[in-house]
Amino acid sequence: MILTHIIARIQNWLRVRRNVEILSQLSDRELSDIGLSRGSIEDAARHAVNA
């Protein structure tokens, strides 16, 4: 039970990291086109995983 919870948290963290990596590769213009800025990448990545 606890192990399952830990694994799920690690998987979520890895998804957030991957989303941050992908979004960070976009140009400022591309980020602006989708309504993001460099400062909001982390929040957007977390929101995408937790949605």
PDB file of N, CA and C in Angstrom:
ATOM      1  N   MET A   1       0.813  -1.193   0.000  1.00  0.00           N
ATOM      2  CA  MET A   1       0.000   0.000   0.000  1.00  0.00           C
ATOM      3  C   MET A   1       0.862   1.265   0.000  1.00  0.00           C
ATOM      4  N   ILE A   2       1.766   1.357   0.943  1.00  0.00           N
ATOM      5  CA  ILE A   2       2.630   2.526   0.994  1.00  0.00           C
ATOM      6  C   ILE A   2       3.574   2.536  -0.199  1.00  0.00           C
ATOM      7  N   LEU A   3       4.042   1.369  -0.600  1.00  0.00           N
ATOM      8  CA  LEU A   3       4.922   1.271  -1.756  1.00  0.00           C
ATOM      9  C   LEU A   3       4.206   1.737  -3.024  1.00  0.00           C
ATOM     10  N   THR A   4       2.952   1.388  -3.168  1.00  0.00           N
ATOM     11  CA  THR A   4       2.159   1.813  -4.320  1.00  0.00           C
ATOM     12  C   THR A   4       2.054   3.334  -4.349  1.00  0.00           C
ATOM     13  N   HIS A   5       1.842   3.940  -3.194  1.00  0.00           N
ATOM     14  CA  HIS A   5       1.747   5.397  -3.095  1.00  0.00           C
ATOM     15  C   HIS A   5       3.078   6.054  -3.470  1.00  0.00           C
ATOM     16  N   ILE A   6       4.152   5.510  -2.993  1.00  0.00           N
ATOM     17  CA  ILE A   6       5.482   6.049  -3.301  1.00  0.00           C
ATOM     18  C   ILE A   6       5.765   5.949  -4.798  1.00  0.00           C
ATOM     19  N   ILE A   7       5.451   4.816  -5.382  1.00  0.00           N
ATOM     20  CA  ILE A   7       5.676   4.623  -6.823  1.00  0.00           C
ATOM     21  C   ILE A   7       4.836   5.611  -7.627  1.00  0.00           C
ATOM     22  N   ALA A   8       3.590   5.814  -7.237  1.00  0.00           N
ATOM     23  CA  ALA A   8       2.712   6.760  -7.934  1.00  0.00           C
ATOM     24  C   ALA A   8       3.267   8.181  -7.842  1.00  0.00           C
ATOM     25  N   ARG A   9       3.771   8.559  -6.681  1.00  0.00           N
ATOM     26  CA  ARG A   9       4.350   9.905  -6.516  1.00  0.00           C
ATOM     27  C   ARG A   9       5.593  10.079  -7.390  1.00  0.00           C
ATOM     28  N   ILE A  10       6.419   9.066  -7.453  1.00  0.00           N
ATOM     29  CA  ILE A  10       7.621   9.131  -8.293  1.00  0.00           C
ATOM     30  C   ILE A  10       7.231   9.235  -9.766  1.00  0.00           C
ATOM     31  N   GLN A  11       6.236   8.458 -10.183  1.00  0.00           N
ATOM     32  CA  GLN A  11       5.782   8.516 -11.573  1.00  0.00           C
ATOM     33  C   GLN A  11       5.236   9.902 -11.907  1.00  0.00           C
ATOM     34  N   ASN A  12       4.468  10.486 -11.004  1.00  0.00           N
ATOM     35  CA  ASN A  12       3.960  11.839 -11.227  1.00  0.00           C
ATOM     36  C   ASN A  12       5.099  12.846 -11.325  1.00  0.00           C
ATOM     37  N   TRP A  13       6.077  12.726 -10.444  1.00  0.00           N
ATOM     38  CA  TRP A  13       7.215  13.630 -10.471  1.00  0.00           C
ATOM     39  C   TRP A  13       7.969  13.513 -11.804  1.00  0.00           C
ATOM     40  N   LEU A  14       8.143  12.284 -12.276  1.00  0.00           N
ATOM     41  CA  LEU A  14       8.822  12.072 -13.556  1.00  0.00           C
ATOM     42  C   LEU A  14       8.028  12.688 -14.717  1.00  0.00           C
ATOM     43  N   ARG A  15       6.696  12.579 -14.666  1.00  0.00           N
ATOM     44  CA  ARG A  15       5.856  13.201 -15.702  1.00  0.00           C
ATOM     45  C   ARG A  15       5.998  14.716 -15.680  1.00  0.00           C
ATOM     46  N   VAL A  16       6.009  15.298 -14.493  1.00  0.00           N
ATOM     47  CA  VAL A  16       6.183  16.754 -14.376  1.00  0.00           C
ATOM     48  C   VAL A  16       7.531  17.154 -14.946  1.00  0.00           C
ATOM     49  N   ARG A  17       8.584  16.442 -14.583  1.00  0.00           N
ATOM     50  CA  ARG A  17       9.933  16.759 -15.079  1.00  0.00           C
ATOM     51  C   ARG A  17       9.968  16.687 -16.604  1.00  0.00           C
ATOM     52  N   ARG A  18       9.331  15.661 -17.168  1.00  0.00           N
ATOM     53  CA  ARG A  18       9.315  15.507 -18.629  1.00  0.00           C
ATOM     54  C   ARG A  18       8.562  16.664 -19.276  1.00  0.00           C
ATOM     55  N   ASN A  19       7.423  17.041 -18.706  1.00  0.00           N
ATOM     56  CA  ASN A  19       6.669  18.169 -19.249  1.00  0.00           C
ATOM     57  C   ASN A  19       7.468  19.465 -19.176  1.00  0.00           C
ATOM     58  N   VAL A  20       8.177  19.667 -18.075  1.00  0.00           N
ATOM     59  CA  VAL A  20       9.024  20.861 -17.940  1.00  0.00           C
ATOM     60  C   VAL A  20      10.107  20.842 -19.013  1.00  0.00           C
ATOM     61  N   GLU A  21      10.706  19.692 -19.212  1.00  0.00           N
ATOM     62  CA  GLU A  21      11.756  19.557 -20.223  1.00  0.00           C
ATOM     63  C   GLU A  21      11.226  19.912 -21.616  1.00  0.00           C
ATOM     64  N   ILE A  22      10.058  19.395 -21.949  1.00  0.00           N
ATOM     65  CA  ILE A  22       9.465  19.648 -23.267  1.00  0.00           C
ATOM     66  C   ILE A  22       9.114  21.127 -23.421  1.00  0.00           C
ATOM     67  N   LEU A  23       8.422  21.684 -22.424  1.00  0.00           N
ATOM     68  CA  LEU A  23       8.018  23.090 -22.515  1.00  0.00           C
ATOM     69  C   LEU A  23       9.217  24.030 -22.528  1.00  0.00           C
ATOM     70  N   SER A  24      10.271  23.670 -21.836  1.00  0.00           N
ATOM     71  CA  SER A  24      11.470  24.510 -21.791  1.00  0.00           C
ATOM     72  C   SER A  24      12.163  24.598 -23.141  1.00  0.00           C
ATOM     73  N   GLN A  25      11.914  23.640 -24.012  1.00  0.00           N
ATOM     74  CA  GLN A  25      12.531  23.652 -25.336  1.00  0.00           C
ATOM     75  C   GLN A  25      11.825  24.605 -26.300  1.00  0.00           C
ATOM     76  N   LEU A  26      10.621  25.042 -25.922  1.00  0.00           N
ATOM     77  CA  LEU A  26       9.877  25.959 -26.792  1.00  0.00           C
ATOM     78  C   LEU A  26      10.462  27.364 -26.698  1.00  0.00           C
ATOM     79  N   SER A  27      10.310  28.116 -27.768  1.00  0.00           N
ATOM     80  CA  SER A  27      10.755  29.508 -27.765  1.00  0.00           C
ATOM     81  C   SER A  27       9.775  30.352 -26.957  1.00  0.00           C
ATOM     82  N   ASP A  28      10.193  31.569 -26.602  1.00  0.00           N
ATOM     83  CA  ASP A  28       9.303  32.472 -25.884  1.00  0.00           C
ATOM     84  C   ASP A  28       8.046  32.744 -26.701  1.00  0.00           C
ATOM     85  N   ARG A  29       8.188  32.848 -27.992  1.00  0.00           N
ATOM     86  CA  ARG A  29       7.041  33.091 -28.877  1.00  0.00           C
ATOM     87  C   ARG A  29       6.063  31.915 -28.841  1.00  0.00           C
ATOM     88  N   GLU A  30       6.599  30.704 -28.910  1.00  0.00           N
ATOM     89  CA  GLU A  30       5.741  29.517 -28.869  1.00  0.00           C
ATOM     90  C   GLU A  30       5.026  29.402 -27.525  1.00  0.00           C
ATOM     91  N   LEU A  31       5.748  29.704 -26.456  1.00  0.00           N
ATOM     92  CA  LEU A  31       5.122  29.683 -25.136  1.00  0.00           C
ATOM     93  C   LEU A  31       4.009  30.716 -25.056  1.00  0.00           C
ATOM     94  N   SER A  32       4.277  31.895 -25.585  1.00  0.00           N
ATOM     95  CA  SER A  32       3.271  32.955 -25.593  1.00  0.00           C
ATOM     96  C   SER A  32       2.034  32.535 -26.381  1.00  0.00           C
ATOM     97  N   ASP A  33       2.245  31.836 -27.480  1.00  0.00           N
ATOM     98  CA  ASP A  33       1.128  31.369 -28.305  1.00  0.00           C
ATOM     99  C   ASP A  33       0.193  30.440 -27.542  1.00  0.00           C
ATOM    100  N   ILE A  34       0.736  29.699 -26.579  1.00  0.00           N
ATOM    101  CA  ILE A  34      -0.112  28.790 -25.800  1.00  0.00           C
ATOM    102  C   ILE A  34      -0.437  29.364 -24.413  1.00  0.00           C
ATOM    103  N   GLY A  35      -0.157  30.639 -24.238  1.00  0.00           N
ATOM    104  CA  GLY A  35      -0.539  31.333 -23.015  1.00  0.00           C
ATOM    105  C   GLY A  35       0.368  31.114 -21.824  1.00  0.00           C
ATOM    106  N   LEU A  36       1.631  30.779 -22.090  1.00  0.00           N
ATOM    107  CA  LEU A  36       2.585  30.542 -21.007  1.00  0.00           C
ATOM    108  C   LEU A  36       3.770  31.480 -21.110  1.00  0.00           C
ATOM    109  N   SER A  37       4.481  31.611 -20.007  1.00  0.00           N
ATOM    110  CA  SER A  37       5.760  32.302 -19.985  1.00  0.00           C
ATOM    111  C   SER A  37       6.772  31.353 -19.359  1.00  0.00           C
ATOM    112  N   ARG A  38       8.026  31.706 -19.434  1.00  0.00           N
ATOM    113  CA  ARG A  38       9.056  30.839 -18.839  1.00  0.00           C
ATOM    114  C   ARG A  38       8.789  30.607 -17.353  1.00  0.00           C
ATOM    115  N   GLY A  39       8.308  31.634 -16.681  1.00  0.00           N
ATOM    116  CA  GLY A  39       8.059  31.532 -15.243  1.00  0.00           C
ATOM    117  C   GLY A  39       6.883  30.643 -14.874  1.00  0.00           C
ATOM    118  N   SER A  40       6.029  30.344 -15.838  1.00  0.00           N
ATOM    119  CA  SER A  40       4.846  29.540 -15.526  1.00  0.00           C
ATOM    120  C   SER A  40       4.962  28.092 -16.003  1.00  0.00           C
ATOM    121  N   ILE A  41       6.112  27.717 -16.524  1.00  0.00           N
ATOM    122  CA  ILE A  41       6.294  26.363 -17.053  1.00  0.00           C
ATOM    123  C   ILE A  41       6.082  25.308 -15.970  1.00  0.00           C
ATOM    124  N   GLU A  42       6.700  25.505 -14.817  1.00  0.00           N
ATOM    125  CA  GLU A  42       6.596  24.514 -13.731  1.00  0.00           C
ATOM    126  C   GLU A  42       5.142  24.317 -13.303  1.00  0.00           C
ATOM    127  N   ASP A  43       4.432  25.418 -13.112  1.00  0.00           N
ATOM    128  CA  ASP A  43       3.021  25.317 -12.705  1.00  0.00           C
ATOM    129  C   ASP A  43       2.184  24.632 -13.774  1.00  0.00           C
ATOM    130  N   ALA A  44       2.413  24.976 -15.022  1.00  0.00           N
ATOM    131  CA  ALA A  44       1.657  24.360 -16.113  1.00  0.00           C
ATOM    132  C   ALA A  44       1.940  22.866 -16.211  1.00  0.00           C
ATOM    133  N   ALA A  45       3.193  22.486 -16.011  1.00  0.00           N
ATOM    134  CA  ALA A  45       3.569  21.071 -16.044  1.00  0.00           C
ATOM    135  C   ALA A  45       2.888  20.300 -14.918  1.00  0.00           C
ATOM    136  N   ARG A  46       2.866  20.877 -13.737  1.00  0.00           N
ATOM    137  CA  ARG A  46       2.202  20.225 -12.603  1.00  0.00           C
ATOM    138  C   ARG A  46       0.704  20.113 -12.836  1.00  0.00           C
ATOM    139  N   HIS A  47       0.117  21.188 -13.341  1.00  0.00           N
ATOM    140  CA  HIS A  47      -1.326  21.186 -13.606  1.00  0.00           C
ATOM    141  C   HIS A  47      -1.682  20.105 -14.632  1.00  0.00           C
ATOM    142  N   ALA A  48      -0.874  19.967 -15.665  1.00  0.00           N
ATOM    143  CA  ALA A  48      -1.140  18.970 -16.709  1.00  0.00           C
ATOM    144  C   ALA A  48      -1.113  17.554 -16.139  1.00  0.00           C
ATOM    145  N   VAL A  49      -0.214  17.300 -15.213  1.00  0.00           N
ATOM    146  CA  VAL A  49      -0.094  15.962 -14.627  1.00  0.00           C
ATOM    147  C   VAL A  49      -1.236  15.698 -13.660  1.00  0.00           C
ATOM    148  N   ASN A  50      -1.645  16.715 -12.918  1.00  0.00           N
ATOM    149  CA  ASN A  50      -2.668  16.532 -11.889  1.00  0.00           C
ATOM    150  C   ASN A  50      -4.088  16.740 -12.418  1.00  0.00           C
ATOM    151  N   ALA A  51      -4.235  17.065 -13.687  1.00  0.00           N
ATOM    152  CA  ALA A  51      -5.580  17.312 -14.246  1.00  0.00           C
ATOM    153  C   ALA A  51      -6.310  16.019 -14.535  1.00  0.00           C
TER     154      ALA A  51
END
